[in-house]
Amino acid sequence: MATYRDEGVVLGTVKLGEADRIITLLTKRHGKIRAVAKGVRRTKSKFGARLEPFMRADVLVAQGRSLDRIAQAASIATYADPICADYDSYANGAVILETMDKLVSTEHESATEQYGLLIAALASLAQGRHQAHVISASYVMRALALAGWLPRLDACVVCGAREDIDFFSVPAGGVMCVNDRTPEARRVSAPCRGLIAALVAGDWSVLDAIGDVEEVGLRQCDRIVEEWGEYYLERPIRSLRLLDS
C-alpha cells in the first residue's frame, strides 16, 4: 500500500463506527485530504489529541481505494490548547477552519499558499497577538483574495473614478461611485473602506488601532466581511453568523 508523509492542520472530524473518525486536514503539499484514523476515539488511542481541530501535525498516510488512512501522527504545534481555553478565540478559530474547509473543495490539490496563511492565522490566534475577531475577519478576506476574490477599493469598479466612491457592492466586487452604483450597493464610510483594505493587506498597524474607528464603520465592515465570504463561497459561514448572534 502506497504511503505519503506531510504536515497538516485538522479542519474537522466526523465519527465513524464505534471508535474511528474521519479526519479532514489541509496539508502543506497534498492540499485537502480526508482520512480515517482507526481507534482514535478509544481512551488508549496512540493518536490521542493529535488529530483534533486546530492541531498541526506531521502525518503518515496510507492511500486507500475510497478513503486514505492515517498510520502515524506527531504534533508540530498545539494551537488547540490556548484557542479552546478562551471562548472568543475558539469562536473565531471556528470561523477560520470553516472558511478554509469551504474554500478548498477539491481534495489532493496543492494549496501551499493557503496552508501558510492558515497556520499564520492560527498561530496568531493561539498566541493572542491581536484581537480574535480581527484575526478571523482578516483571515476571511485574505484567504478569499488569495483564491482570486480581491475587492477593489481604490476606484469605482464600473468607471474607474477615484472620487465619490462612497458605495460598496459585494456582487460587483468592490466600491462604486455615486453615478454608477447598483441597487444593492450600500453606502460605506471612509473609515470602513480603510478597514477593509487593512484586513485584505493584513496591515496590523491599522488593525491594532481598530478601537479608534467609529462604531458605524466597524458595523459596516463586519457586514461586508460576512457578505463577502457568503457570496464568493456560495454558502454562509455559519460560525461567522454565530459571532453576530
Foldseek 3Di string as FASTA:
>chain_A
DDKDKWKWAWLAWDDDPDAKIWTWTQTQFQGIFTAIEPRQRDPPDPCDCCRHHGWIWIFMWADDDPHIYTPDIDGDDCLVVQQVVDPLSVLLLNLLSLLSPLVDPDGRDHDNVLRVLSVVLSVCSSVVVARSNLSSLLSLQQSVVVVPQHADLQAALPPRHRPQQQWADLVSRYTHHPVPDDPVIDGADPVLSVSSVCSNVVPVVVVRVVVVDDPRSVVVNLVSSQVNSCVVSVHGSVSSVVVVD
